[in-house]
Amino acid sequence: MKNIIPASEYCQLKLLNLLFFEESPIPKKEAANFVECSINTLNADIETLNTTIRMISLT
């Protein structure tokens, strides 16, 4: 899968997977380590995911 989609989208999928299965909130630093990205990239991915989810929920 990692070789099929762009790296940024792969990181977003890893983040969604982490958040879906996590039972309690986790620090951004821990999430960034899991996803293997910087805090800035993680913040950008969170913003992208939030926007995408809002768009889907409006339809």
N, C-alpha and C. Protein backbone atom coordinates (compact mmCIF):
# COMPACT_ATOMS: atom_id res chain seq x y z
N MET A 1 0.83 -1.19 0.00
CA MET A 1 0.00 0.00 0.00
C MET A 1 0.87 1.25 0.00
N LYS A 2 1.96 1.19 0.74
CA LYS A 2 2.84 2.35 0.86
C LYS A 2 3.38 2.78 -0.50
N ASN A 3 3.57 1.85 -1.41
CA ASN A 3 4.12 2.17 -2.73
C ASN A 3 3.05 2.56 -3.74
N ILE A 4 1.77 2.40 -3.38
CA ILE A 4 0.68 2.67 -4.30
C ILE A 4 0.17 4.10 -4.19
N ILE A 5 0.14 4.65 -3.00
CA ILE A 5 -0.41 5.99 -2.80
C ILE A 5 0.69 6.96 -2.39
N PRO A 6 0.45 8.27 -2.56
CA PRO A 6 1.46 9.27 -2.16
C PRO A 6 1.75 9.19 -0.66
N ALA A 7 2.96 9.58 -0.29
CA ALA A 7 3.40 9.48 1.10
C ALA A 7 2.50 10.26 2.05
N SER A 8 2.06 11.44 1.65
CA SER A 8 1.21 12.25 2.54
C SER A 8 -0.11 11.54 2.83
N GLU A 9 -0.67 10.90 1.81
CA GLU A 9 -1.93 10.18 2.02
C GLU A 9 -1.72 8.92 2.85
N TYR A 10 -0.58 8.28 2.68
CA TYR A 10 -0.25 7.11 3.50
C TYR A 10 -0.15 7.51 4.97
N CYS A 11 0.48 8.65 5.24
CA CYS A 11 0.58 9.14 6.63
C CYS A 11 -0.80 9.44 7.19
N GLN A 12 -1.67 10.02 6.38
CA GLN A 12 -3.03 10.31 6.83
C GLN A 12 -3.78 9.02 7.16
N LEU A 13 -3.60 8.00 6.35
CA LEU A 13 -4.23 6.70 6.64
C LEU A 13 -3.70 6.10 7.94
N LYS A 14 -2.40 6.21 8.15
CA LYS A 14 -1.82 5.70 9.41
C LYS A 14 -2.38 6.47 10.60
N LEU A 15 -2.54 7.78 10.44
CA LEU A 15 -3.10 8.60 11.52
C LEU A 15 -4.55 8.21 11.80
N LEU A 16 -5.35 8.06 10.76
CA LEU A 16 -6.74 7.64 10.95
C LEU A 16 -6.82 6.28 11.65
N ASN A 17 -5.96 5.37 11.25
CA ASN A 17 -5.92 4.05 11.87
C ASN A 17 -5.58 4.16 13.36
N LEU A 18 -4.58 4.96 13.66
CA LEU A 18 -4.18 5.15 15.06
C LEU A 18 -5.33 5.71 15.87
N LEU A 19 -5.96 6.76 15.37
CA LEU A 19 -7.04 7.42 16.11
C LEU A 19 -8.27 6.52 16.24
N PHE A 20 -8.53 5.72 15.23
CA PHE A 20 -9.70 4.84 15.26
C PHE A 20 -9.57 3.80 16.37
N PHE A 21 -8.39 3.24 16.52
CA PHE A 21 -8.20 2.16 17.49
C PHE A 21 -7.75 2.62 18.87
N GLU A 22 -7.36 3.87 19.00
CA GLU A 22 -6.92 4.40 20.30
C GLU A 22 -8.14 4.68 21.16
N GLU A 23 -8.08 4.23 22.41
CA GLU A 23 -9.23 4.39 23.31
C GLU A 23 -9.19 5.69 24.11
N SER A 24 -8.08 6.36 24.10
CA SER A 24 -7.97 7.62 24.83
C SER A 24 -7.14 8.60 24.01
N PRO A 25 -7.26 9.90 24.31
CA PRO A 25 -6.47 10.88 23.56
C PRO A 25 -4.97 10.61 23.70
N ILE A 26 -4.23 10.92 22.64
CA ILE A 26 -2.78 10.75 22.69
C ILE A 26 -2.12 12.08 22.32
N PRO A 27 -0.96 12.34 22.88
CA PRO A 27 -0.24 13.58 22.55
C PRO A 27 0.17 13.61 21.08
N LYS A 28 0.21 14.80 20.51
CA LYS A 28 0.61 14.94 19.11
C LYS A 28 2.00 14.39 18.86
N LYS A 29 2.89 14.57 19.82
CA LYS A 29 4.27 14.08 19.65
C LYS A 29 4.27 12.56 19.48
N GLU A 30 3.46 11.88 20.27
CA GLU A 30 3.36 10.43 20.18
C GLU A 30 2.74 10.01 18.84
N ALA A 31 1.71 10.73 18.42
CA ALA A 31 1.07 10.45 17.13
C ALA A 31 2.05 10.68 15.99
N ALA A 32 2.82 11.77 16.06
CA ALA A 32 3.80 12.07 15.01
C ALA A 32 4.87 10.98 14.94
N ASN A 33 5.29 10.47 16.08
CA ASN A 33 6.26 9.37 16.09
C ASN A 33 5.69 8.12 15.45
N PHE A 34 4.43 7.82 15.76
CA PHE A 34 3.78 6.64 15.18
C PHE A 34 3.65 6.77 13.67
N VAL A 35 3.25 7.95 13.21
CA VAL A 35 3.03 8.19 11.79
C VAL A 35 4.36 8.43 11.07
N GLU A 36 5.39 8.69 11.83
CA GLU A 36 6.74 8.96 11.30
C GLU A 36 6.77 10.25 10.49
N CYS A 37 6.30 11.33 11.13
CA CYS A 37 6.34 12.65 10.50
C CYS A 37 6.60 13.70 11.58
N SER A 38 6.78 14.94 11.14
CA SER A 38 6.98 16.04 12.09
C SER A 38 5.64 16.51 12.65
N ILE A 39 5.70 17.30 13.71
CA ILE A 39 4.49 17.87 14.29
C ILE A 39 3.80 18.78 13.26
N ASN A 40 4.58 19.55 12.51
CA ASN A 40 4.00 20.43 11.49
C ASN A 40 3.25 19.63 10.42
N THR A 41 3.83 18.55 9.98
CA THR A 41 3.17 17.69 8.99
C THR A 41 1.92 17.07 9.58
N LEU A 42 2.02 16.64 10.82
CA LEU A 42 0.86 16.06 11.50
C LEU A 42 -0.26 17.08 11.58
N ASN A 43 0.05 18.32 11.94
CA ASN A 43 -0.97 19.37 12.00
C ASN A 43 -1.62 19.59 10.65
N ALA A 44 -0.83 19.60 9.59
CA ALA A 44 -1.37 19.77 8.24
C ALA A 44 -2.26 18.59 7.86
N ASP A 45 -1.85 17.39 8.22
CA ASP A 45 -2.65 16.20 7.93
C ASP A 45 -3.97 16.24 8.70
N ILE A 46 -3.93 16.67 9.94
CA ILE A 46 -5.15 16.79 10.74
C ILE A 46 -6.11 17.79 10.10
N GLU A 47 -5.58 18.91 9.66
CA GLU A 47 -6.41 19.92 9.00
C GLU A 47 -7.03 19.37 7.72
N THR A 48 -6.25 18.66 6.93
CA THR A 48 -6.76 18.05 5.69
C THR A 48 -7.85 17.04 6.00
N LEU A 49 -7.62 16.19 6.99
CA LEU A 49 -8.62 15.18 7.34
C LEU A 49 -9.89 15.83 7.86
N ASN A 50 -9.76 16.85 8.69
CA ASN A 50 -10.94 17.55 9.21
C ASN A 50 -11.75 18.16 8.08
N THR A 51 -11.09 18.78 7.13
CA THR A 51 -11.78 19.38 5.99
C THR A 51 -12.49 18.32 5.16
N THR A 52 -11.80 17.23 4.90
CA THR A 52 -12.38 16.14 4.11
C THR A 52 -13.59 15.54 4.80
N ILE A 53 -13.49 15.32 6.09
CA ILE A 53 -14.60 14.72 6.84
C ILE A 53 -15.78 15.67 6.87
N ARG A 54 -15.54 16.97 7.03
CA ARG A 54 -16.63 17.95 6.99
C ARG A 54 -17.33 17.93 5.65
N MET A 55 -16.56 17.86 4.57
CA MET A 55 -17.15 17.83 3.23
C MET A 55 -18.00 16.58 3.03
N ILE A 56 -17.54 15.46 3.52
CA ILE A 56 -18.28 14.21 3.38
C ILE A 56 -19.57 14.26 4.21
N SER A 57 -19.51 14.82 5.39
CA SER A 57 -20.70 14.86 6.25
C SER A 57 -21.75 15.83 5.75
N LEU A 58 -21.37 16.79 4.89
CA LEU A 58 -22.33 17.73 4.34
C LEU A 58 -23.10 17.16 3.16
N THR A 59 -22.61 16.08 2.58
CA THR A 59 -23.30 15.51 1.43
C THR A 59 -24.27 14.43 1.80
